[in-house]
């Protein structure tokens, strides 16, 4: 029970935030009641409309309450500071389309903050989040409108116009003009992607576990029938050369544009020009301008993937890469309209600058980066994660085909010939994992004996390339056997496989690969430790218990 805080609100924001809000409310003689949530529960930062009843001032008001996480100890980067910067740097745009801050932020003990905002001169009953228009257009349940008001009616034309208006406004009225930084050298591909993905590959980052699983330089796409660039290798600088060739188009950016943080005026009638952005936690005064439109589109896609068949999902990748291509007839008309409307809004804005070619190239890279963002999000359905990874790979392929000057990295990250399409998970991966300590020792001895150079390159380099290929799930059995022969062992046991490390049946408890890379299945010595997978470079991972 938290004094002066509605139990439903306290439950939604969590114990730590509820306690902090309660202390603030008691001190300021206020009471807070939940009116409605503004997001669907997928966001890590709860956002709600609340009633604030102020007994000291003897007044009441409706406010937006949000509980965003802080950015470590850098108080200049918390949402409150970014929001103030956005208002100061664009006062005219802020007055029309941004919420305004109320009170000072309240620190919560878990590293988050409570902030209050309001839409100046507007009533919340006039607006709904853009997601409501999307769901009403599709006649889908799952998101509630405000109680006691007339339901919203939406169709394809209305939703499309709203998306186009928001993008056109963010670019034309907020960013105004594309800019570049002449004081900085051109960026590499990886550095440009890092403008979107900074910190996500570090241990604890959203993409860290997925990057460990996809470390080869190529990945095979069954729907496309060919190998594609591994987007993780591209983003981490292992695929393209370190040539600086991208001058980012920079300007004021929202940083997290999606349908849950854009309010649209819907009463007494829908007015798509009356939009308000209620979340500026990732605002940047000089961010990559192609990110916001791409992120909005992919967020809409993520919310509606369950509406699309496999063939339509294939066609959607083609549409996103070529909005005016010939695959549109296979897709729902509303989705084609939205993609093309956003594309048209972008190009209508950028074409006067003569920078349309740069915009197109950077849009492809933003598709790659934003697709990887969705790969790492817990809100994504597991069956959709592979689609976003494939979109990222296709975007990388498109950039490589249209920008040969990017070149390839000097040292490839995968060894030997192209992977065997029929056997991507092979026994050699399990053997290498099991024998990694012995292989490491054999390589060190070979190098010490000055036997580490041959026609195939250095043994340490080939060893690292094979390890990367194993983490990528690639077929390298012949290369692995030849490598083991050259270093003098350990013996590549041909019996290795599903019956245990020595070919004998496994009895009692058994353990299998935690990364789903191979068919390794081993028992545990009585009283001994659980077998481990040694392939990840960060630290070994214990094998998973076999449910069979």
Foldseek 3Di string as FASTA:
>chain_A
DAPQEAPVVDVVQDVQVSNLVSVVCVVQVKHKDFQAWLDQPQDPKTKGWIWIQGPVVRDIDIKIKIKAAQDPPPPCQFQVNLLVVLCVVQVVCCLQAEWAWDDDWTDTPVRIIITITGNPPDDCLQKHFLVLQVCLQVVHDRDDDGPPDDRFHHHLVLSLVLLLLVLLCCVCVRQVAWDFDPVDFAFALLVLLCLLCPPQCPVVHLCVVVCLLAQAQWADDPVVRGIFGQLSCRNVVQWFARDRDATAGWAWDQSQDERSQKMFRPPPHTDSNRIYGYGRSPIDGTGRSLQRLLNHLVRSCQVCVVVDDPVQLVLVLVCLLPLPDDSPVRYPPSSSSNSVSSVVSVCVSHVVVVCVVSSSLVNLSSLLSSLSVQLRRPVGDPVCNVSSSVSNRVSNRVNCVVCVVRHTYPQGLADDDAFDPVALFELVLVLCQVCVVVLVVLLVVCVVVVNQQDPRGGLVSNVRSHLSSLSNSGDDVVVSCVSQVSSPDDDPDPLFFQQARNNHRADDKWFAAPSPNYRHIHDADVVHDADWGQSRPVGIHGTHIDPD
